[in-house]
Structures are given as structure tokens and as C-alpha cells.
Amino acid sequence: MRNRRSTYHLMAIFLFWVGTFFIPPLPVAAQAKPVERDTFKDGKIDQIAYVDKRGNPIRLTIDSNADGIFDKTQFYQDGKFDTRYEFVDGHVARSTRDTDADEKVNVWQTYRNDLPVEQKTDGDGDGRNERVVLFDEKGQPHLSRIIPTKYLLKEESTRV
């Protein structure tokens, strides 16, 4: 069992590495000149939007605190929000996703040392997390819990 888990972990790292370094971040046909903005009006670019040929957003990179470091990246599918990653000191700290294309976040994930720690999911769109997955120190899921909606309290629906 331990060897199988190690093999899956190594495969995940390899696929991440291949996807990061060998697959272009945008399809060649969708690449366009990036649109840069200075939203803080301090003379520094703090947002870079990548759009397709029709002007639909594909990716938005953000420097959220004007420190010169782009610390958030949002991805779009068919012009609609899909995934957002937040970085702290160059490492992914949090991500949010809209997995059902209703333009509302329904998956929240936290990371430590670039590995997932916890994932919360609102599967029915009621604003409450029905599923929580905890990850071990290697980033592998080790505990999953489904909470029936009727047992959730308002405090439990607080977002990360």
C-alpha cells in the first residue's frame, strides 16, 4: 500500500512538472497581446489580463497589495471565472474554483508548502460546505467527510 501511494505521489509530481514546463499556459490560437493595468495609479502594472481573439478573459494575474509581486492568478473558461490561486512568498496558499460554471465559487482549498491541506466543497450551491477532505503531509487525501445539510450550522459555512 505504501509503495502504491509513493508511486501515485511521484506520478502527480511528474505530471505537474510536465504541465508546468512543457505545456504552454494558453493555447497558441488563444494567445493575444496581454492587457496591462495600473489599478493603484502608482505607475506600476498590477494586473495583466490575457484575452482570446474575441476579447474574453482567459487568465488574470494580479498584484493585490502593490508590492511588485503578482500574488493572485485567476483562470477563465469560455469567458467565465473558473479557478483562482493565491500565493504567499511565492508559494500557493489558497485556491478557489467554480466547478459547475454557475459563476459562484464552490470549492475552497488551502495549501502548505505547495501541497493541499484541506478542501471544502459546496456541492449543492446552498452556500454551505457539505464535503471536507483533509490531506496528509505528502498532499494525499487521507480523510473525507460528508456532512448532511440538515446538520450544518451557519458557523460551519464560513469560507476560508
N, C-alpha and C. Protein backbone atom coordinates (compact mmCIF):
# COMPACT_ATOMS: atom_id res chain seq x y z
N MET A 1 0.83 -1.19 0.00
CA MET A 1 0.00 0.00 0.00
C MET A 1 0.87 1.24 0.00
N ARG A 2 1.93 1.24 0.78
CA ARG A 2 2.81 2.41 0.88
C ARG A 2 3.51 2.67 -0.44
N ASN A 3 3.96 1.59 -1.13
CA ASN A 3 4.62 1.75 -2.43
C ASN A 3 3.66 2.32 -3.46
N ARG A 4 2.41 1.90 -3.43
CA ARG A 4 1.41 2.40 -4.36
C ARG A 4 1.19 3.89 -4.13
N ARG A 5 1.11 4.30 -2.87
CA ARG A 5 0.91 5.70 -2.54
C ARG A 5 2.11 6.53 -3.01
N SER A 6 3.33 6.01 -2.81
CA SER A 6 4.53 6.71 -3.26
C SER A 6 4.54 6.84 -4.78
N THR A 7 4.12 5.78 -5.46
CA THR A 7 4.07 5.81 -6.92
C THR A 7 3.09 6.86 -7.39
N TYR A 8 1.90 6.93 -6.78
CA TYR A 8 0.92 7.95 -7.17
C TYR A 8 1.46 9.34 -6.89
N HIS A 9 2.13 9.52 -5.78
CA HIS A 9 2.70 10.82 -5.44
C HIS A 9 3.74 11.23 -6.48
N LEU A 10 4.63 10.31 -6.86
CA LEU A 10 5.64 10.61 -7.87
C LEU A 10 5.01 10.90 -9.22
N MET A 11 3.95 10.16 -9.57
CA MET A 11 3.27 10.43 -10.84
C MET A 11 2.64 11.81 -10.82
N ALA A 12 2.04 12.21 -9.71
CA ALA A 12 1.42 13.53 -9.61
C ALA A 12 2.47 14.63 -9.76
N ILE A 13 3.61 14.46 -9.11
CA ILE A 13 4.68 15.45 -9.23
C ILE A 13 5.17 15.52 -10.67
N PHE A 14 5.36 14.37 -11.32
CA PHE A 14 5.82 14.35 -12.70
C PHE A 14 4.82 15.04 -13.62
N LEU A 15 3.52 14.74 -13.47
CA LEU A 15 2.51 15.37 -14.32
C LEU A 15 2.44 16.87 -14.08
N PHE A 16 2.57 17.29 -12.83
CA PHE A 16 2.59 18.72 -12.53
C PHE A 16 3.79 19.38 -13.19
N TRP A 17 4.96 18.74 -13.10
CA TRP A 17 6.19 19.28 -13.68
C TRP A 17 6.07 19.38 -15.20
N VAL A 18 5.56 18.32 -15.84
CA VAL A 18 5.39 18.33 -17.29
C VAL A 18 4.40 19.41 -17.69
N GLY A 19 3.28 19.50 -16.97
CA GLY A 19 2.28 20.52 -17.29
C GLY A 19 2.79 21.93 -17.08
N THR A 20 3.65 22.12 -16.11
CA THR A 20 4.17 23.45 -15.81
C THR A 20 5.20 23.90 -16.83
N PHE A 21 6.08 23.00 -17.25
CA PHE A 21 7.20 23.42 -18.07
C PHE A 21 7.06 23.10 -19.56
N PHE A 22 6.21 22.17 -19.95
CA PHE A 22 6.15 21.78 -21.35
C PHE A 22 4.83 22.09 -22.03
N ILE A 23 3.78 22.35 -21.29
CA ILE A 23 2.51 22.71 -21.90
C ILE A 23 2.36 24.22 -21.78
N PRO A 24 2.15 24.91 -22.90
CA PRO A 24 2.03 26.37 -22.81
C PRO A 24 0.83 26.75 -21.95
N PRO A 25 0.91 27.85 -21.21
CA PRO A 25 -0.17 28.23 -20.32
C PRO A 25 -1.45 28.59 -21.05
N LEU A 26 -1.35 29.00 -22.30
CA LEU A 26 -2.52 29.33 -23.10
C LEU A 26 -2.42 28.62 -24.44
N PRO A 27 -3.53 28.19 -25.01
CA PRO A 27 -3.46 27.60 -26.34
C PRO A 27 -2.89 28.63 -27.32
N VAL A 28 -2.08 28.17 -28.27
CA VAL A 28 -1.43 29.07 -29.20
C VAL A 28 -2.46 29.94 -29.92
N ALA A 29 -3.58 29.34 -30.31
CA ALA A 29 -4.60 30.09 -31.03
C ALA A 29 -5.25 31.16 -30.16
N ALA A 30 -5.24 30.96 -28.84
CA ALA A 30 -5.89 31.90 -27.95
C ALA A 30 -4.97 33.01 -27.46
N GLN A 31 -3.66 32.87 -27.71
CA GLN A 31 -2.73 33.87 -27.20
C GLN A 31 -2.97 35.20 -27.90
N ALA A 32 -2.93 36.25 -27.13
CA ALA A 32 -3.08 37.60 -27.64
C ALA A 32 -2.19 38.50 -26.82
N LYS A 33 -2.03 39.73 -27.27
CA LYS A 33 -1.22 40.68 -26.52
C LYS A 33 -1.88 40.88 -25.15
N PRO A 34 -1.10 40.77 -24.08
CA PRO A 34 -1.69 40.96 -22.75
C PRO A 34 -2.15 42.41 -22.56
N VAL A 35 -3.19 42.56 -21.78
CA VAL A 35 -3.72 43.88 -21.45
C VAL A 35 -3.26 44.20 -20.03
N GLU A 36 -2.45 45.25 -19.89
CA GLU A 36 -1.87 45.61 -18.59
C GLU A 36 -2.62 46.81 -18.00
N ARG A 37 -2.78 46.79 -16.67
CA ARG A 37 -3.48 47.88 -15.98
C ARG A 37 -2.73 48.28 -14.73
N ASP A 38 -2.83 49.56 -14.40
CA ASP A 38 -2.30 50.11 -13.16
C ASP A 38 -3.50 50.56 -12.34
N THR A 39 -4.06 49.66 -11.55
CA THR A 39 -5.28 49.98 -10.80
C THR A 39 -5.01 50.82 -9.56
N PHE A 40 -3.76 50.79 -9.05
CA PHE A 40 -3.41 51.59 -7.88
C PHE A 40 -2.98 53.00 -8.26
N LYS A 41 -2.83 53.26 -9.57
CA LYS A 41 -2.41 54.58 -10.09
C LYS A 41 -1.08 55.02 -9.49
N ASP A 42 -0.14 54.07 -9.36
CA ASP A 42 1.19 54.38 -8.82
C ASP A 42 2.29 54.24 -9.87
N GLY A 43 1.90 54.09 -11.13
CA GLY A 43 2.87 53.97 -12.20
C GLY A 43 3.40 52.56 -12.42
N LYS A 44 2.90 51.58 -11.66
CA LYS A 44 3.33 50.19 -11.79
C LYS A 44 2.16 49.32 -12.27
N ILE A 45 2.46 48.41 -13.16
CA ILE A 45 1.45 47.47 -13.64
C ILE A 45 1.11 46.51 -12.51
N ASP A 46 -0.18 46.38 -12.17
CA ASP A 46 -0.57 45.47 -11.10
C ASP A 46 -1.62 44.45 -11.55
N GLN A 47 -2.04 44.51 -12.80
CA GLN A 47 -2.93 43.50 -13.36
C GLN A 47 -2.53 43.25 -14.81
N ILE A 48 -2.47 41.99 -15.18
CA ILE A 48 -2.23 41.62 -16.57
C ILE A 48 -3.32 40.63 -16.95
N ALA A 49 -4.13 41.03 -17.93
CA ALA A 49 -5.21 40.17 -18.41
C ALA A 49 -4.81 39.58 -19.75
N TYR A 50 -5.06 38.30 -19.93
CA TYR A 50 -4.85 37.63 -21.20
C TYR A 50 -6.23 37.30 -21.75
N VAL A 51 -6.48 37.70 -22.98
CA VAL A 51 -7.80 37.52 -23.57
C VAL A 51 -7.68 36.73 -24.86
N ASP A 52 -8.78 36.07 -25.24
CA ASP A 52 -8.78 35.36 -26.51
C ASP A 52 -9.09 36.33 -27.64
N LYS A 53 -9.20 35.83 -28.86
CA LYS A 53 -9.41 36.69 -30.03
C LYS A 53 -10.74 37.44 -29.99
N ARG A 54 -11.70 36.92 -29.23
CA ARG A 54 -12.99 37.59 -29.10
C ARG A 54 -13.03 38.57 -27.93
N GLY A 55 -11.92 38.67 -27.19
CA GLY A 55 -11.86 39.59 -26.07
C GLY A 55 -12.29 38.99 -24.75
N ASN A 56 -12.58 37.69 -24.73
CA ASN A 56 -12.97 37.02 -23.49
C ASN A 56 -11.74 36.76 -22.63
N PRO A 57 -11.84 36.97 -21.32
CA PRO A 57 -10.68 36.71 -20.46
C PRO A 57 -10.35 35.23 -20.42
N ILE A 58 -9.04 34.95 -20.38
CA ILE A 58 -8.54 33.57 -20.24
C ILE A 58 -7.83 33.44 -18.91
N ARG A 59 -7.00 34.46 -18.59
CA ARG A 59 -6.23 34.45 -17.35
C ARG A 59 -6.03 35.90 -16.90
N LEU A 60 -6.08 36.11 -15.59
CA LEU A 60 -5.82 37.41 -14.99
C LEU A 60 -4.80 37.23 -13.88
N THR A 61 -3.69 37.96 -13.98
CA THR A 61 -2.65 37.90 -12.96
C THR A 61 -2.68 39.22 -12.20
N ILE A 62 -2.62 39.15 -10.86
CA ILE A 62 -2.86 40.33 -10.02
C ILE A 62 -1.78 40.50 -8.96
N ASP A 63 -1.31 41.74 -8.80
CA ASP A 63 -0.51 42.14 -7.64
C ASP A 63 -1.50 42.85 -6.72
N SER A 64 -1.99 42.16 -5.71
CA SER A 64 -3.11 42.67 -4.91
C SER A 64 -2.73 43.71 -3.86
N ASN A 65 -1.43 43.84 -3.55
CA ASN A 65 -1.04 44.77 -2.49
C ASN A 65 0.05 45.75 -2.91
N ALA A 66 0.25 45.93 -4.22
CA ALA A 66 1.18 46.91 -4.77
C ALA A 66 2.63 46.73 -4.30
N ASP A 67 3.03 45.49 -4.06
CA ASP A 67 4.42 45.25 -3.65
C ASP A 67 5.31 44.82 -4.82
N GLY A 68 4.74 44.82 -6.03
CA GLY A 68 5.51 44.44 -7.21
C GLY A 68 5.54 42.95 -7.48
N ILE A 69 4.86 42.16 -6.65
CA ILE A 69 4.83 40.70 -6.82
C ILE A 69 3.40 40.29 -7.16
N PHE A 70 3.23 39.61 -8.28
CA PHE A 70 1.92 39.13 -8.67
C PHE A 70 1.57 37.92 -7.80
N ASP A 71 0.55 38.07 -6.96
CA ASP A 71 0.25 37.06 -5.95
C ASP A 71 -1.09 36.36 -6.13
N LYS A 72 -1.81 36.69 -7.18
CA LYS A 72 -3.07 36.01 -7.47
C LYS A 72 -3.16 35.76 -8.97
N THR A 73 -3.66 34.60 -9.32
CA THR A 73 -3.90 34.27 -10.72
C THR A 73 -5.28 33.66 -10.83
N GLN A 74 -6.08 34.19 -11.74
CA GLN A 74 -7.42 33.69 -11.97
C GLN A 74 -7.49 33.13 -13.38
N PHE A 75 -8.18 32.00 -13.54
CA PHE A 75 -8.37 31.38 -14.85
C PHE A 75 -9.84 31.43 -15.21
N TYR A 76 -10.10 31.53 -16.50
CA TYR A 76 -11.46 31.63 -17.00
C TYR A 76 -11.68 30.57 -18.07
N GLN A 77 -12.90 30.07 -18.15
CA GLN A 77 -13.30 29.09 -19.16
C GLN A 77 -14.48 29.69 -19.91
N ASP A 78 -14.36 29.83 -21.21
CA ASP A 78 -15.41 30.45 -22.03
C ASP A 78 -15.78 31.84 -21.51
N GLY A 79 -14.79 32.58 -21.03
CA GLY A 79 -15.02 33.94 -20.54
C GLY A 79 -15.58 34.02 -19.14
N LYS A 80 -15.82 32.89 -18.48
CA LYS A 80 -16.38 32.88 -17.13
C LYS A 80 -15.32 32.41 -16.13
N PHE A 81 -15.40 32.95 -14.91
CA PHE A 81 -14.46 32.58 -13.85
C PHE A 81 -14.45 31.07 -13.66
N ASP A 82 -13.24 30.52 -13.48
CA ASP A 82 -13.09 29.08 -13.27
C ASP A 82 -12.29 28.80 -12.00
N THR A 83 -11.04 29.28 -11.92
CA THR A 83 -10.16 28.97 -10.79
C THR A 83 -9.34 30.19 -10.42
N ARG A 84 -9.08 30.35 -9.12
CA ARG A 84 -8.22 31.43 -8.63
C ARG A 84 -7.20 30.84 -7.67
N TYR A 85 -5.93 31.22 -7.86
CA TYR A 85 -4.85 30.80 -6.96
C TYR A 85 -4.29 32.03 -6.27
N GLU A 86 -4.05 31.92 -4.96
CA GLU A 86 -3.42 33.00 -4.20
C GLU A 86 -2.08 32.49 -3.68
N PHE A 87 -1.06 33.36 -3.81
CA PHE A 87 0.29 32.99 -3.43
C PHE A 87 0.79 33.84 -2.27
N VAL A 88 1.59 33.25 -1.40
CA VAL A 88 2.26 33.94 -0.31
C VAL A 88 3.73 33.55 -0.38
N ASP A 89 4.59 34.53 -0.48
CA ASP A 89 6.04 34.30 -0.60
C ASP A 89 6.38 33.32 -1.73
N GLY A 90 5.67 33.44 -2.83
CA GLY A 90 5.96 32.62 -4.00
C GLY A 90 5.37 31.22 -3.96
N HIS A 91 4.61 30.89 -2.93
CA HIS A 91 4.02 29.55 -2.80
C HIS A 91 2.50 29.65 -2.80
N VAL A 92 1.85 28.69 -3.43
CA VAL A 92 0.40 28.70 -3.45
C VAL A 92 -0.11 28.49 -2.02
N ALA A 93 -1.04 29.36 -1.60
CA ALA A 93 -1.58 29.30 -0.24
C ALA A 93 -3.05 28.88 -0.25
N ARG A 94 -3.80 29.37 -1.25
CA ARG A 94 -5.24 29.10 -1.32
C ARG A 94 -5.66 29.02 -2.79
N SER A 95 -6.73 28.29 -3.03
CA SER A 95 -7.34 28.32 -4.35
C SER A 95 -8.84 28.20 -4.19
N THR A 96 -9.54 28.75 -5.16
CA THR A 96 -11.00 28.63 -5.22
C THR A 96 -11.37 28.23 -6.64
N ARG A 97 -12.46 27.49 -6.77
CA ARG A 97 -12.90 27.05 -8.09
C ARG A 97 -14.41 27.11 -8.21
N ASP A 98 -14.84 27.32 -9.44
CA ASP A 98 -16.25 27.19 -9.79
C ASP A 98 -16.33 25.97 -10.69
N THR A 99 -16.73 24.84 -10.14
CA THR A 99 -16.70 23.59 -10.90
C THR A 99 -17.99 23.32 -11.68
N ASP A 100 -19.05 24.11 -11.42
CA ASP A 100 -20.30 23.86 -12.12
C ASP A 100 -20.71 25.01 -13.05
N ALA A 101 -19.79 25.95 -13.29
CA ALA A 101 -19.97 27.05 -14.25
C ALA A 101 -21.18 27.94 -13.96
N ASP A 102 -21.52 28.08 -12.66
CA ASP A 102 -22.61 28.99 -12.31
C ASP A 102 -22.10 30.35 -11.84
N GLU A 103 -20.80 30.57 -12.03
CA GLU A 103 -20.11 31.81 -11.67
C GLU A 103 -20.08 32.07 -10.15
N LYS A 104 -20.22 30.99 -9.37
CA LYS A 104 -20.09 31.06 -7.91
C LYS A 104 -19.04 30.05 -7.48
N VAL A 105 -18.16 30.46 -6.58
CA VAL A 105 -17.15 29.54 -6.05
C VAL A 105 -17.83 28.44 -5.26
N ASN A 106 -17.43 27.20 -5.51
CA ASN A 106 -18.00 26.10 -4.73
C ASN A 106 -16.94 25.13 -4.20
N VAL A 107 -15.65 25.41 -4.47
CA VAL A 107 -14.57 24.60 -3.91
C VAL A 107 -13.50 25.54 -3.38
N TRP A 108 -13.13 25.36 -2.10
CA TRP A 108 -12.09 26.16 -1.45
C TRP A 108 -11.00 25.21 -1.00
N GLN A 109 -9.76 25.53 -1.32
CA GLN A 109 -8.66 24.64 -0.94
C GLN A 109 -7.53 25.46 -0.34
N THR A 110 -6.94 24.94 0.74
CA THR A 110 -5.78 25.59 1.35
C THR A 110 -4.56 24.69 1.15
N TYR A 111 -3.38 25.34 1.15
CA TYR A 111 -2.13 24.64 0.88
C TYR A 111 -1.08 25.01 1.93
N ARG A 112 -0.13 24.12 2.12
CA ARG A 112 1.06 24.38 2.94
C ARG A 112 2.23 23.76 2.18
N ASN A 113 3.30 24.53 2.00
CA ASN A 113 4.47 24.06 1.22
C ASN A 113 4.05 23.57 -0.17
N ASP A 114 3.13 24.28 -0.80
CA ASP A 114 2.62 23.97 -2.15
C ASP A 114 1.86 22.65 -2.23
N LEU A 115 1.49 22.07 -1.11
CA LEU A 115 0.72 20.83 -1.09
C LEU A 115 -0.65 21.10 -0.46
N PRO A 116 -1.70 20.43 -0.95
CA PRO A 116 -3.03 20.65 -0.37
C PRO A 116 -3.09 20.19 1.08
N VAL A 117 -3.83 20.95 1.88
CA VAL A 117 -4.03 20.62 3.30
C VAL A 117 -5.50 20.28 3.54
N GLU A 118 -6.39 21.11 2.99
CA GLU A 118 -7.82 20.92 3.21
C GLU A 118 -8.60 21.41 2.00
N GLN A 119 -9.68 20.70 1.67
CA GLN A 119 -10.56 21.12 0.59
C GLN A 119 -11.99 21.06 1.09
N LYS A 120 -12.72 22.16 0.91
CA LYS A 120 -14.12 22.22 1.29
C LYS A 120 -14.95 22.42 0.03
N THR A 121 -16.07 21.70 -0.04
CA THR A 121 -16.91 21.75 -1.23
C THR A 121 -18.37 21.98 -0.87
N ASP A 122 -18.98 22.93 -1.58
CA ASP A 122 -20.42 23.16 -1.53
C ASP A 122 -20.99 22.52 -2.77
N GLY A 123 -21.49 21.31 -2.65
CA GLY A 123 -21.92 20.55 -3.81
C GLY A 123 -23.30 20.88 -4.33
N ASP A 124 -24.13 21.54 -3.51
CA ASP A 124 -25.50 21.80 -3.96
C ASP A 124 -25.81 23.29 -4.11
N GLY A 125 -24.80 24.15 -3.93
CA GLY A 125 -24.99 25.58 -4.17
C GLY A 125 -25.77 26.33 -3.11
N ASP A 126 -25.90 25.76 -1.91
CA ASP A 126 -26.66 26.43 -0.85
C ASP A 126 -25.78 27.33 0.03
N GLY A 127 -24.49 27.43 -0.28
CA GLY A 127 -23.60 28.29 0.50
C GLY A 127 -22.97 27.61 1.70
N ARG A 128 -23.20 26.31 1.85
CA ARG A 128 -22.63 25.57 2.97
C ARG A 128 -21.76 24.43 2.45
N ASN A 129 -20.69 24.15 3.17
CA ASN A 129 -19.79 23.07 2.77
C ASN A 129 -20.36 21.73 3.23
N GLU A 130 -20.64 20.87 2.27
CA GLU A 130 -21.14 19.53 2.61
C GLU A 130 -20.02 18.51 2.66
N ARG A 131 -18.90 18.82 2.03
CA ARG A 131 -17.81 17.84 1.98
C ARG A 131 -16.51 18.52 2.37
N VAL A 132 -15.74 17.84 3.21
CA VAL A 132 -14.42 18.31 3.63
C VAL A 132 -13.43 17.16 3.41
N VAL A 133 -12.33 17.47 2.74
CA VAL A 133 -11.28 16.49 2.52
C VAL A 133 -10.01 17.03 3.16
N LEU A 134 -9.39 16.23 4.02
CA LEU A 134 -8.12 16.58 4.64
C LEU A 134 -7.01 15.80 3.96
N PHE A 135 -5.85 16.43 3.81
CA PHE A 135 -4.72 15.82 3.13
C PHE A 135 -3.58 15.59 4.11
N ASP A 136 -2.79 14.54 3.87
CA ASP A 136 -1.65 14.26 4.75
C ASP A 136 -0.47 15.15 4.37
N GLU A 137 0.67 14.96 5.04
CA GLU A 137 1.86 15.81 4.83
C GLU A 137 2.46 15.66 3.44
N LYS A 138 2.04 14.64 2.70
CA LYS A 138 2.53 14.45 1.33
C LYS A 138 1.53 14.97 0.29
N GLY A 139 0.44 15.56 0.76
CA GLY A 139 -0.55 16.10 -0.16
C GLY A 139 -1.55 15.07 -0.67
N GLN A 140 -1.62 13.91 -0.01
CA GLN A 140 -2.54 12.85 -0.41
C GLN A 140 -3.79 12.91 0.48
N PRO A 141 -4.97 12.74 -0.11
CA PRO A 141 -6.19 12.74 0.71
C PRO A 141 -6.16 11.58 1.71
N HIS A 142 -6.47 11.90 2.97
CA HIS A 142 -6.47 10.82 3.96
C HIS A 142 -7.74 10.79 4.79
N LEU A 143 -8.55 11.82 4.72
CA LEU A 143 -9.80 11.83 5.47
C LEU A 143 -10.81 12.64 4.69
N SER A 144 -11.97 12.08 4.49
CA SER A 144 -13.03 12.77 3.78
C SER A 144 -14.29 12.63 4.60
N ARG A 145 -15.03 13.71 4.68
CA ARG A 145 -16.24 13.66 5.49
C ARG A 145 -17.34 14.40 4.75
N ILE A 146 -18.50 13.79 4.69
CA ILE A 146 -19.66 14.40 4.07
C ILE A 146 -20.63 14.74 5.18
N ILE A 147 -21.07 15.98 5.20
CA ILE A 147 -21.96 16.46 6.26
C ILE A 147 -23.33 16.72 5.65
N PRO A 148 -24.36 15.99 6.07
CA PRO A 148 -25.70 16.27 5.55
C PRO A 148 -26.09 17.71 5.86
N THR A 149 -26.69 18.38 4.91
CA THR A 149 -27.02 19.79 5.03
C THR A 149 -27.87 20.07 6.26
N LYS A 150 -28.77 19.20 6.63
CA LYS A 150 -29.66 19.47 7.76
C LYS A 150 -28.90 19.58 9.08
N TYR A 151 -27.64 19.07 9.14
CA TYR A 151 -26.86 19.15 10.37
C TYR A 151 -25.88 20.32 10.41
N LEU A 152 -25.78 21.06 9.33
CA LEU A 152 -24.84 22.17 9.29
C LEU A 152 -25.40 23.37 10.04
N LEU A 153 -24.51 24.01 10.77
CA LEU A 153 -24.86 25.26 11.43
C LEU A 153 -24.33 26.40 10.57
N LYS A 154 -24.83 27.60 10.76
CA LYS A 154 -24.35 28.74 9.98
C LYS A 154 -22.86 28.95 10.13
N GLU A 155 -22.31 28.72 11.33
CA GLU A 155 -20.87 28.93 11.55
C GLU A 155 -20.03 27.99 10.69
N GLU A 156 -20.56 26.80 10.37
CA GLU A 156 -19.81 25.83 9.59
C GLU A 156 -19.73 26.20 8.13
N SER A 157 -20.53 27.15 7.67
CA SER A 157 -20.49 27.52 6.27
C SER A 157 -19.53 28.67 6.02
N THR A 158 -18.79 29.09 7.04
CA THR A 158 -17.82 30.16 6.87
C THR A 158 -16.74 29.72 5.92
N ARG A 159 -16.37 30.62 5.00
CA ARG A 159 -15.38 30.32 3.98
C ARG A 159 -13.99 30.59 4.48
N VAL A 160 -13.02 29.89 3.89
CA VAL A 160 -11.61 30.06 4.23
C VAL A 160 -11.13 31.36 3.66
